Structure formats: structure tokens, C-alpha cells
Amino acid sequence: MADIFSAVQVGDEVVCRGCLKMEEMISAQRGITDSYSADDVRETEYICSRCNKKIEPFEIKF
């Protein structure tokens, strides 16, 4: 299983979790696509190519 990701590289776009299509989400969960971790998006500011919002770190809190 792939690590938890905050965003995914889809072609030449960086896409946030909220804008991913179902098949893109499945590919990301399987680790097929390049993804950005919460640490990656904390270190570098990424803007979603689809919604034009800053990508926030995604973390699961236990």
C-alpha cells in the first residue's frame, strides 16, 4: 500500500486530493502515480492545477 499523499502528479499537473477523479485516486492509492507527501507540500508551496488553491498537507490523526 502506498504512503498517505497530499497531492498527485497527473501528466504535467499537480492535483490536490479533492480534485482527483476516482481512477486517479485509485492509481495514487496503489502507488502507480507520483505523489507528494505532507512534508513535501509543507516545504514547497504547490497550487492545484484544477482548483487553483494552495495544497494543504493531508494527515490522518489518531
N, C-alpha and C. Protein backbone atom coordinates (compact mmCIF):
# COMPACT_ATOMS: atom_id res chain seq x y z
N MET A 1 0.83 -1.18 0.00
CA MET A 1 0.00 0.00 0.00
C MET A 1 0.88 1.25 0.00
N ALA A 2 0.46 2.24 -0.74
CA ALA A 2 1.23 3.47 -0.87
C ALA A 2 1.12 4.31 0.40
N ASP A 3 2.08 5.21 0.57
CA ASP A 3 2.03 6.14 1.70
C ASP A 3 0.88 7.12 1.52
N ILE A 4 0.53 7.79 2.60
CA ILE A 4 -0.51 8.82 2.53
C ILE A 4 0.05 9.99 1.73
N PHE A 5 -0.76 10.53 0.84
CA PHE A 5 -0.30 11.61 -0.03
C PHE A 5 -1.22 12.82 0.09
N SER A 6 -0.66 14.00 -0.22
CA SER A 6 -1.42 15.24 -0.19
C SER A 6 -1.80 15.70 -1.58
N ALA A 7 -1.00 15.31 -2.57
CA ALA A 7 -1.26 15.69 -3.95
C ALA A 7 -0.62 14.66 -4.87
N VAL A 8 -1.02 14.70 -6.14
CA VAL A 8 -0.54 13.73 -7.12
C VAL A 8 -0.13 14.46 -8.39
N GLN A 9 0.89 13.95 -9.04
CA GLN A 9 1.31 14.46 -10.35
C GLN A 9 0.50 13.72 -11.41
N VAL A 10 -0.36 14.44 -12.14
CA VAL A 10 -1.17 13.85 -13.21
C VAL A 10 -0.73 14.52 -14.51
N GLY A 11 0.05 13.79 -15.30
CA GLY A 11 0.62 14.41 -16.50
C GLY A 11 1.56 15.52 -16.08
N ASP A 12 1.28 16.74 -16.55
CA ASP A 12 2.11 17.88 -16.15
C ASP A 12 1.42 18.75 -15.10
N GLU A 13 0.34 18.23 -14.50
CA GLU A 13 -0.41 18.95 -13.49
C GLU A 13 -0.13 18.40 -12.09
N VAL A 14 -0.17 19.28 -11.10
CA VAL A 14 -0.17 18.86 -9.70
C VAL A 14 -1.60 19.03 -9.22
N VAL A 15 -2.20 17.94 -8.73
CA VAL A 15 -3.63 17.94 -8.39
C VAL A 15 -3.81 17.56 -6.92
N CYS A 16 -4.66 18.33 -6.22
CA CYS A 16 -4.94 18.04 -4.81
C CYS A 16 -5.89 16.85 -4.70
N ARG A 17 -5.99 16.29 -3.50
CA ARG A 17 -6.85 15.12 -3.27
C ARG A 17 -8.31 15.41 -3.62
N GLY A 18 -8.78 16.61 -3.33
CA GLY A 18 -10.17 16.96 -3.57
C GLY A 18 -10.55 17.01 -5.04
N CYS A 19 -9.59 17.26 -5.90
CA CYS A 19 -9.86 17.40 -7.33
C CYS A 19 -9.59 16.12 -8.13
N LEU A 20 -9.07 15.10 -7.48
CA LEU A 20 -8.76 13.86 -8.19
C LEU A 20 -10.03 13.15 -8.64
N LYS A 21 -9.98 12.60 -9.84
CA LYS A 21 -11.06 11.74 -10.32
C LYS A 21 -10.88 10.37 -9.67
N MET A 22 -11.92 9.57 -9.68
CA MET A 22 -11.88 8.27 -8.99
C MET A 22 -10.72 7.40 -9.48
N GLU A 23 -10.54 7.31 -10.80
CA GLU A 23 -9.47 6.45 -11.32
C GLU A 23 -8.08 7.00 -10.96
N GLU A 24 -7.95 8.33 -10.85
CA GLU A 24 -6.68 8.92 -10.44
C GLU A 24 -6.41 8.63 -8.97
N MET A 25 -7.45 8.66 -8.15
CA MET A 25 -7.32 8.36 -6.72
C MET A 25 -6.89 6.91 -6.52
N ILE A 26 -7.48 6.00 -7.27
CA ILE A 26 -7.13 4.58 -7.16
C ILE A 26 -5.68 4.36 -7.57
N SER A 27 -5.25 4.99 -8.67
CA SER A 27 -3.86 4.86 -9.12
C SER A 27 -2.90 5.40 -8.06
N ALA A 28 -3.27 6.50 -7.44
CA ALA A 28 -2.42 7.09 -6.40
C ALA A 28 -2.35 6.18 -5.17
N GLN A 29 -3.48 5.61 -4.77
CA GLN A 29 -3.50 4.72 -3.61
C GLN A 29 -2.69 3.46 -3.85
N ARG A 30 -2.64 3.01 -5.08
CA ARG A 30 -1.85 1.83 -5.43
C ARG A 30 -0.38 2.15 -5.62
N GLY A 31 -0.03 3.42 -5.62
CA GLY A 31 1.37 3.82 -5.77
C GLY A 31 1.84 3.86 -7.20
N ILE A 32 0.92 3.93 -8.15
CA ILE A 32 1.28 3.92 -9.56
C ILE A 32 1.74 5.30 -10.03
N THR A 33 1.15 6.36 -9.48
CA THR A 33 1.49 7.72 -9.89
C THR A 33 2.47 8.35 -8.91
N ASP A 34 3.12 9.42 -9.35
CA ASP A 34 4.00 10.17 -8.46
C ASP A 34 3.14 11.00 -7.52
N SER A 35 3.48 10.96 -6.25
CA SER A 35 2.68 11.69 -5.27
C SER A 35 3.56 12.59 -4.42
N TYR A 36 2.90 13.53 -3.74
CA TYR A 36 3.57 14.48 -2.85
C TYR A 36 3.07 14.23 -1.43
N SER A 37 3.99 14.06 -0.52
CA SER A 37 3.64 13.80 0.88
C SER A 37 3.30 15.11 1.59
N ALA A 38 2.82 14.99 2.82
CA ALA A 38 2.54 16.18 3.63
C ALA A 38 3.81 17.00 3.84
N ASP A 39 4.94 16.32 4.04
CA ASP A 39 6.21 17.03 4.21
C ASP A 39 6.59 17.79 2.94
N ASP A 40 6.36 17.18 1.77
CA ASP A 40 6.67 17.84 0.50
C ASP A 40 5.90 19.15 0.35
N VAL A 41 4.60 19.11 0.64
CA VAL A 41 3.79 20.32 0.45
C VAL A 41 4.02 21.35 1.56
N ARG A 42 4.55 20.93 2.71
CA ARG A 42 4.94 21.89 3.74
C ARG A 42 6.19 22.65 3.31
N GLU A 43 7.14 21.93 2.71
CA GLU A 43 8.42 22.53 2.31
C GLU A 43 8.29 23.43 1.09
N THR A 44 7.46 23.05 0.14
CA THR A 44 7.30 23.79 -1.11
C THR A 44 5.82 24.08 -1.31
N GLU A 45 5.49 25.31 -1.65
CA GLU A 45 4.09 25.66 -1.87
C GLU A 45 3.67 25.19 -3.26
N TYR A 46 2.67 24.31 -3.29
CA TYR A 46 2.11 23.82 -4.54
C TYR A 46 0.70 24.35 -4.69
N ILE A 47 0.32 24.67 -5.92
CA ILE A 47 -1.02 25.13 -6.25
C ILE A 47 -1.67 24.07 -7.13
N CYS A 48 -2.89 23.67 -6.78
CA CYS A 48 -3.62 22.67 -7.57
C CYS A 48 -3.92 23.25 -8.95
N SER A 49 -3.64 22.49 -9.98
CA SER A 49 -3.87 22.93 -11.36
C SER A 49 -5.35 22.99 -11.70
N ARG A 50 -6.20 22.33 -10.93
CA ARG A 50 -7.63 22.28 -11.25
C ARG A 50 -8.45 23.30 -10.47
N CYS A 51 -8.20 23.45 -9.18
CA CYS A 51 -9.00 24.40 -8.38
C CYS A 51 -8.23 25.69 -8.06
N ASN A 52 -6.94 25.73 -8.38
CA ASN A 52 -6.08 26.91 -8.16
C ASN A 52 -5.97 27.31 -6.69
N LYS A 53 -6.11 26.35 -5.78
CA LYS A 53 -5.93 26.61 -4.36
C LYS A 53 -4.60 26.01 -3.90
N LYS A 54 -4.05 26.59 -2.83
CA LYS A 54 -2.83 26.05 -2.24
C LYS A 54 -3.12 24.65 -1.69
N ILE A 55 -2.24 23.72 -1.97
CA ILE A 55 -2.41 22.35 -1.49
C ILE A 55 -1.94 22.29 -0.04
N GLU A 56 -2.84 21.84 0.82
CA GLU A 56 -2.55 21.72 2.25
C GLU A 56 -2.09 20.30 2.57
N PRO A 57 -1.24 20.13 3.57
CA PRO A 57 -0.80 18.79 3.96
C PRO A 57 -1.98 17.94 4.41
N PHE A 58 -2.03 16.70 3.96
CA PHE A 58 -3.08 15.77 4.37
C PHE A 58 -2.48 14.79 5.35
N GLU A 59 -3.05 14.73 6.54
CA GLU A 59 -2.56 13.82 7.56
C GLU A 59 -3.74 13.18 8.28
N ILE A 60 -3.57 11.94 8.65
CA ILE A 60 -4.58 11.24 9.43
C ILE A 60 -4.17 11.34 10.89
N LYS A 61 -5.09 11.81 11.70
CA LYS A 61 -4.80 11.95 13.14
C LYS A 61 -5.47 10.81 13.89
N PHE A 62 -4.70 10.14 14.73
CA PHE A 62 -5.21 9.01 15.50
C PHE A 62 -5.54 9.43 16.90
